[in-house]
């Protein structure tokens, strides 16, 4: 029973991230996807990159993040989006500022939707 709930939460998070990627592609001229499936694959890649690579990068850049009062975390998020772009053939992110604004849009959408989707146990 618990395993099914965990799998459902993973699927919901991937779909929310795919929605954020879709919105970023719609709003930012430098972000494009070849097909709707590319958003799903990019969301999966972004989840894997954020799980495996991001904590190490955050730890290594902790002094810079402290000095910039967390502002450097936006740069790290942009780098993770570019890394996901590198892994997924159907996703295209051109330039640093496209990645930066795209990561900002994805983060805001993830935060907003997750605040409504959270279960009672998570609150």
N, C-alpha and C. Protein backbone atom coordinates (compact mmCIF):
# COMPACT_ATOMS: atom_id res chain seq x y z
N UNK A 1 0.81 -1.18 0.00
CA UNK A 1 0.00 0.00 0.00
C UNK A 1 0.87 1.26 0.00
N UNK A 2 1.85 1.31 0.87
CA UNK A 2 2.76 2.46 0.95
C UNK A 2 3.55 2.60 -0.34
N UNK A 3 3.93 1.48 -0.94
CA UNK A 3 4.72 1.51 -2.17
C UNK A 3 3.92 2.15 -3.31
N UNK A 4 2.63 1.88 -3.37
CA UNK A 4 1.79 2.48 -4.40
C UNK A 4 1.68 3.99 -4.21
N UNK A 5 1.59 4.43 -2.94
CA UNK A 5 1.49 5.86 -2.67
C UNK A 5 2.78 6.59 -3.03
N UNK A 6 3.92 5.96 -2.75
CA UNK A 6 5.21 6.56 -3.10
C UNK A 6 5.34 6.67 -4.61
N UNK A 7 4.94 5.62 -5.34
CA UNK A 7 5.01 5.65 -6.80
C UNK A 7 4.09 6.73 -7.36
N UNK A 8 2.91 6.88 -6.78
CA UNK A 8 1.97 7.91 -7.22
C UNK A 8 2.55 9.30 -6.97
N UNK A 9 3.23 9.48 -5.84
CA UNK A 9 3.84 10.78 -5.55
C UNK A 9 4.96 11.10 -6.54
N UNK A 10 5.72 10.09 -6.93
CA UNK A 10 6.79 10.30 -7.91
C UNK A 10 6.19 10.70 -9.25
N UNK A 11 5.14 10.02 -9.67
CA UNK A 11 4.49 10.34 -10.94
C UNK A 11 3.92 11.75 -10.91
N UNK A 12 3.30 12.13 -9.80
CA UNK A 12 2.73 13.47 -9.68
C UNK A 12 3.84 14.52 -9.75
N UNK A 13 4.94 14.27 -9.09
CA UNK A 13 6.06 15.23 -9.13
C UNK A 13 6.65 15.37 -10.53
N UNK A 14 6.76 14.26 -11.25
CA UNK A 14 7.27 14.32 -12.62
C UNK A 14 6.30 15.12 -13.49
N UNK A 15 5.00 14.89 -13.33
CA UNK A 15 4.02 15.63 -14.12
C UNK A 15 4.02 17.13 -13.78
N UNK A 16 4.20 17.45 -12.51
CA UNK A 16 4.27 18.86 -12.11
C UNK A 16 5.51 19.52 -12.72
N UNK A 17 6.64 18.83 -12.68
CA UNK A 17 7.86 19.36 -13.28
C UNK A 17 7.71 19.50 -14.79
N UNK A 18 7.05 18.53 -15.43
CA UNK A 18 6.80 18.61 -16.87
C UNK A 18 5.91 19.82 -17.19
N UNK A 19 4.93 20.08 -16.33
CA UNK A 19 4.09 21.27 -16.50
C UNK A 19 4.93 22.55 -16.38
N UNK A 20 5.83 22.57 -15.41
CA UNK A 20 6.73 23.72 -15.26
C UNK A 20 7.62 23.90 -16.47
N UNK A 21 8.13 22.81 -17.02
CA UNK A 21 8.94 22.88 -18.23
C UNK A 21 8.12 23.39 -19.41
N UNK A 22 6.89 22.92 -19.51
CA UNK A 22 6.00 23.37 -20.59
C UNK A 22 5.75 24.87 -20.48
N UNK A 23 5.47 25.34 -19.27
CA UNK A 23 5.23 26.77 -19.06
C UNK A 23 6.48 27.59 -19.35
N UNK A 24 7.63 27.07 -18.94
CA UNK A 24 8.88 27.77 -19.23
C UNK A 24 9.11 27.86 -20.74
N UNK A 25 8.82 26.77 -21.45
CA UNK A 25 8.98 26.77 -22.91
C UNK A 25 8.00 27.74 -23.56
N UNK A 26 6.82 27.87 -22.98
CA UNK A 26 5.82 28.78 -23.55
C UNK A 26 6.19 30.24 -23.30
N UNK A 27 6.86 30.52 -22.18
CA UNK A 27 7.15 31.90 -21.80
C UNK A 27 8.55 32.39 -22.18
N UNK A 28 9.50 31.49 -22.25
CA UNK A 28 10.89 31.88 -22.50
C UNK A 28 11.25 31.50 -23.94
N UNK A 29 11.70 32.46 -24.75
CA UNK A 29 12.01 32.15 -26.15
C UNK A 29 13.14 31.15 -26.34
N UNK A 30 14.08 31.02 -25.43
CA UNK A 30 15.23 30.15 -25.61
C UNK A 30 15.03 28.72 -25.16
N UNK A 31 13.81 28.36 -24.73
CA UNK A 31 13.54 26.99 -24.28
C UNK A 31 12.50 26.39 -25.20
N UNK A 32 12.86 25.23 -25.78
CA UNK A 32 11.97 24.55 -26.72
C UNK A 32 12.05 23.05 -26.50
N UNK A 33 10.98 22.36 -26.90
CA UNK A 33 10.97 20.90 -26.86
C UNK A 33 10.43 20.40 -28.19
N UNK A 34 10.98 19.28 -28.65
CA UNK A 34 10.58 18.73 -29.94
C UNK A 34 9.21 18.08 -29.90
N UNK A 35 8.82 17.54 -28.75
CA UNK A 35 7.54 16.84 -28.64
C UNK A 35 7.05 16.91 -27.19
N UNK A 36 5.78 16.61 -26.97
CA UNK A 36 5.28 16.60 -25.59
C UNK A 36 6.00 15.55 -24.72
N UNK A 37 6.41 14.45 -25.33
CA UNK A 37 7.14 13.44 -24.57
C UNK A 37 8.49 13.93 -24.07
N UNK A 38 9.05 14.90 -24.78
CA UNK A 38 10.33 15.46 -24.36
C UNK A 38 10.20 16.16 -23.02
N UNK A 39 9.03 16.76 -22.74
CA UNK A 39 8.82 17.40 -21.43
C UNK A 39 8.85 16.36 -20.31
N UNK A 40 8.25 15.19 -20.57
CA UNK A 40 8.24 14.13 -19.55
C UNK A 40 9.65 13.62 -19.32
N UNK A 41 10.38 13.34 -20.40
CA UNK A 41 11.75 12.85 -20.26
C UNK A 41 12.64 13.90 -19.60
N UNK A 42 12.44 15.17 -19.95
CA UNK A 42 13.22 16.24 -19.34
C UNK A 42 12.89 16.36 -17.85
N UNK A 43 11.62 16.17 -17.48
CA UNK A 43 11.24 16.22 -16.07
C UNK A 43 11.88 15.08 -15.30
N UNK A 44 11.93 13.90 -15.90
CA UNK A 44 12.59 12.76 -15.25
C UNK A 44 14.08 13.04 -15.10
N UNK A 45 14.71 13.55 -16.17
CA UNK A 45 16.14 13.87 -16.12
C UNK A 45 16.42 14.96 -15.09
N UNK A 46 15.56 15.96 -15.03
CA UNK A 46 15.74 17.04 -14.06
C UNK A 46 15.60 16.51 -12.64
N UNK A 47 14.67 15.59 -12.42
CA UNK A 47 14.53 14.98 -11.10
C UNK A 47 15.75 14.19 -10.70
N UNK A 48 16.30 13.42 -11.63
CA UNK A 48 17.51 12.64 -11.35
C UNK A 48 18.70 13.55 -11.09
N UNK A 49 18.86 14.58 -11.92
CA UNK A 49 19.97 15.52 -11.75
C UNK A 49 19.85 16.25 -10.42
N UNK A 50 18.63 16.68 -10.07
CA UNK A 50 18.43 17.38 -8.80
C UNK A 50 18.65 16.48 -7.60
N UNK A 51 18.42 15.18 -7.78
CA UNK A 51 18.62 14.24 -6.68
C UNK A 51 20.08 13.86 -6.50
N UNK A 52 20.80 13.67 -7.60
CA UNK A 52 22.16 13.15 -7.52
C UNK A 52 23.25 14.22 -7.56
N UNK A 53 23.10 15.22 -8.41
CA UNK A 53 24.18 16.18 -8.65
C UNK A 53 24.02 17.45 -7.81
N UNK A 54 22.79 17.96 -7.73
CA UNK A 54 22.56 19.25 -7.08
C UNK A 54 23.05 19.32 -5.63
N UNK A 55 22.82 18.29 -4.79
CA UNK A 55 23.32 18.41 -3.41
C UNK A 55 24.83 18.59 -3.32
N UNK A 56 25.57 17.93 -4.18
CA UNK A 56 27.02 18.08 -4.18
C UNK A 56 27.42 19.49 -4.61
N UNK A 57 26.77 20.00 -5.65
CA UNK A 57 27.08 21.35 -6.12
C UNK A 57 26.71 22.39 -5.06
N UNK A 58 25.57 22.21 -4.41
CA UNK A 58 25.16 23.14 -3.35
C UNK A 58 26.17 23.12 -2.21
N UNK A 59 26.64 21.94 -1.85
CA UNK A 59 27.63 21.83 -0.77
C UNK A 59 28.95 22.50 -1.16
N UNK A 60 29.39 22.29 -2.39
CA UNK A 60 30.65 22.88 -2.83
C UNK A 60 30.59 24.40 -2.96
N UNK A 61 29.42 24.93 -3.27
CA UNK A 61 29.27 26.37 -3.45
C UNK A 61 28.60 27.04 -2.25
N UNK A 62 28.59 26.38 -1.12
CA UNK A 62 27.93 26.92 0.07
C UNK A 62 28.44 28.30 0.48
N UNK A 63 29.76 28.55 0.48
CA UNK A 63 30.21 29.90 0.85
C UNK A 63 29.66 30.99 -0.07
N UNK A 64 29.61 30.72 -1.37
CA UNK A 64 29.07 31.70 -2.32
C UNK A 64 27.58 31.90 -2.08
N UNK A 65 26.87 30.81 -1.80
CA UNK A 65 25.44 30.91 -1.53
C UNK A 65 25.16 31.72 -0.27
N UNK A 66 26.00 31.56 0.74
CA UNK A 66 25.82 32.32 1.98
C UNK A 66 26.08 33.80 1.73
N UNK A 67 27.14 34.11 1.00
CA UNK A 67 27.48 35.51 0.74
C UNK A 67 26.40 36.19 -0.10
N UNK A 68 25.81 35.46 -1.05
CA UNK A 68 24.76 36.04 -1.91
C UNK A 68 23.36 35.85 -1.33
N UNK A 69 23.29 35.41 -0.08
CA UNK A 69 22.02 35.19 0.62
C UNK A 69 21.10 34.24 -0.15
N UNK A 70 21.67 33.22 -0.73
CA UNK A 70 20.91 32.20 -1.44
C UNK A 70 20.66 32.51 -2.89
N UNK A 71 21.06 33.65 -3.35
CA UNK A 71 20.84 34.02 -4.75
C UNK A 71 21.57 33.13 -5.73
N UNK A 72 22.69 32.59 -5.30
CA UNK A 72 23.48 31.73 -6.18
C UNK A 72 22.76 30.41 -6.45
N UNK A 73 21.79 30.05 -5.61
CA UNK A 73 21.02 28.83 -5.84
C UNK A 73 20.24 28.91 -7.15
N UNK A 74 19.88 30.12 -7.58
CA UNK A 74 19.24 30.29 -8.89
C UNK A 74 20.19 29.90 -10.01
N UNK A 75 21.45 30.25 -9.86
CA UNK A 75 22.46 29.87 -10.86
C UNK A 75 22.62 28.36 -10.87
N UNK A 76 22.60 27.74 -9.70
CA UNK A 76 22.72 26.28 -9.62
C UNK A 76 21.50 25.63 -10.29
N UNK A 77 20.31 26.16 -10.06
CA UNK A 77 19.12 25.63 -10.70
C UNK A 77 19.20 25.75 -12.22
N UNK A 78 19.73 26.87 -12.70
CA UNK A 78 19.92 27.05 -14.14
C UNK A 78 20.91 26.03 -14.69
N UNK A 79 21.97 25.78 -13.94
CA UNK A 79 22.96 24.78 -14.37
C UNK A 79 22.35 23.38 -14.41
N UNK A 80 21.47 23.08 -13.46
CA UNK A 80 20.81 21.76 -13.46
C UNK A 80 19.86 21.63 -14.66
N UNK A 81 19.20 22.73 -15.03
CA UNK A 81 18.34 22.70 -16.21
C UNK A 81 19.17 22.49 -17.48
N UNK A 82 20.32 23.16 -17.57
CA UNK A 82 21.21 22.95 -18.72
C UNK A 82 21.74 21.53 -18.75
N UNK A 83 22.02 20.95 -17.59
CA UNK A 83 22.49 19.57 -17.52
C UNK A 83 21.39 18.61 -17.97
N UNK A 84 20.16 18.87 -17.58
CA UNK A 84 19.04 18.05 -18.05
C UNK A 84 18.88 18.20 -19.56
N UNK A 85 19.10 19.41 -20.07
CA UNK A 85 19.06 19.64 -21.52
C UNK A 85 20.12 18.81 -22.23
N UNK A 86 21.26 18.67 -21.61
CA UNK A 86 22.35 17.88 -22.20
C UNK A 86 21.98 16.40 -22.28
N UNK A 87 21.22 15.91 -21.32
CA UNK A 87 20.84 14.50 -21.28
C UNK A 87 19.67 14.17 -22.20
N UNK A 88 18.75 15.10 -22.40
CA UNK A 88 17.52 14.83 -23.16
C UNK A 88 17.67 15.44 -24.55
N UNK A 89 17.54 14.59 -25.58
CA UNK A 89 17.71 15.05 -26.95
C UNK A 89 16.61 16.01 -27.40
N UNK A 90 15.40 15.85 -26.91
CA UNK A 90 14.28 16.67 -27.38
C UNK A 90 14.14 18.01 -26.72
N UNK A 91 14.93 18.31 -25.70
CA UNK A 91 14.86 19.58 -24.99
C UNK A 91 16.01 20.46 -25.44
N UNK A 92 15.70 21.75 -25.69
CA UNK A 92 16.72 22.69 -26.14
C UNK A 92 16.64 23.95 -25.29
N UNK A 93 17.72 24.23 -24.57
CA UNK A 93 17.82 25.44 -23.75
C UNK A 93 19.02 26.23 -24.26
N UNK A 94 18.75 27.38 -24.88
CA UNK A 94 19.83 28.19 -25.44
C UNK A 94 20.20 29.31 -24.47
N UNK A 95 21.42 29.29 -24.02
CA UNK A 95 21.96 30.38 -23.24
C UNK A 95 21.68 30.32 -21.75
N UNK A 96 22.48 31.09 -21.04
CA UNK A 96 22.41 31.11 -19.58
C UNK A 96 21.12 31.76 -19.08
N UNK A 97 20.74 32.89 -19.67
CA UNK A 97 19.58 33.61 -19.17
C UNK A 97 18.28 32.85 -19.44
N UNK A 98 18.22 32.13 -20.55
CA UNK A 98 17.05 31.28 -20.80
C UNK A 98 16.96 30.20 -19.72
N UNK A 99 18.10 29.60 -19.38
CA UNK A 99 18.12 28.58 -18.33
C UNK A 99 17.77 29.19 -16.98
N UNK A 100 18.27 30.38 -16.71
CA UNK A 100 18.01 31.04 -15.43
C UNK A 100 16.53 31.36 -15.26
N UNK A 101 15.93 32.00 -16.26
CA UNK A 101 14.51 32.34 -16.16
C UNK A 101 13.64 31.09 -16.24
N UNK A 102 14.05 30.11 -17.02
CA UNK A 102 13.32 28.85 -17.07
C UNK A 102 13.33 28.13 -15.74
N UNK A 103 14.49 28.09 -15.09
CA UNK A 103 14.59 27.45 -13.77
C UNK A 103 13.75 28.20 -12.75
N UNK A 104 13.71 29.52 -12.86
CA UNK A 104 12.89 30.31 -11.95
C UNK A 104 11.40 30.00 -12.14
N UNK A 105 10.95 29.90 -13.38
CA UNK A 105 9.55 29.57 -13.66
C UNK A 105 9.22 28.17 -13.17
N UNK A 106 10.10 27.22 -13.44
CA UNK A 106 9.88 25.84 -13.00
C UNK A 106 9.80 25.77 -11.48
N UNK A 107 10.68 26.48 -10.79
CA UNK A 107 10.68 26.48 -9.33
C UNK A 107 9.39 27.07 -8.76
N UNK A 108 8.94 28.17 -9.33
CA UNK A 108 7.72 28.81 -8.84
C UNK A 108 6.51 27.91 -9.09
N UNK A 109 6.43 27.31 -10.26
CA UNK A 109 5.30 26.43 -10.56
C UNK A 109 5.34 25.19 -9.66
N UNK A 110 6.52 24.60 -9.47
CA UNK A 110 6.63 23.45 -8.57
C UNK A 110 6.20 23.82 -7.16
N UNK A 111 6.64 24.96 -6.68
CA UNK A 111 6.27 25.40 -5.34
C UNK A 111 4.76 25.61 -5.23
N UNK A 112 4.17 26.31 -6.20
CA UNK A 112 2.75 26.62 -6.15
C UNK A 112 1.89 25.36 -6.22
N UNK A 113 2.19 24.48 -7.17
CA UNK A 113 1.37 23.28 -7.33
C UNK A 113 1.59 22.32 -6.17
N UNK A 114 2.82 22.15 -5.72
CA UNK A 114 3.08 21.26 -4.59
C UNK A 114 2.40 21.74 -3.31
N UNK A 115 2.22 23.03 -3.16
CA UNK A 115 1.54 23.53 -1.96
C UNK A 115 0.07 23.12 -1.95
N UNK A 116 -0.52 22.91 -3.12
CA UNK A 116 -1.91 22.46 -3.20
C UNK A 116 -2.04 20.94 -3.21
N UNK A 117 -1.01 20.24 -3.69
CA UNK A 117 -1.09 18.79 -3.89
C UNK A 117 -0.66 18.02 -2.66
N UNK A 118 0.05 18.66 -1.76
CA UNK A 118 0.58 17.94 -0.59
C UNK A 118 -0.49 17.18 0.16
N UNK A 119 -0.11 16.01 0.66
CA UNK A 119 -1.06 15.21 1.43
C UNK A 119 -1.12 15.74 2.86
N UNK A 120 -2.09 15.26 3.62
CA UNK A 120 -2.25 15.71 5.01
C UNK A 120 -1.07 15.28 5.87
N UNK A 121 -0.43 14.15 5.54
CA UNK A 121 0.72 13.68 6.32
C UNK A 121 1.93 14.58 6.12
N UNK A 122 2.05 15.20 4.94
CA UNK A 122 3.19 16.07 4.65
C UNK A 122 3.07 17.42 5.34
N UNK A 123 1.86 17.82 5.70
CA UNK A 123 1.64 19.15 6.31
C UNK A 123 1.98 19.12 7.73
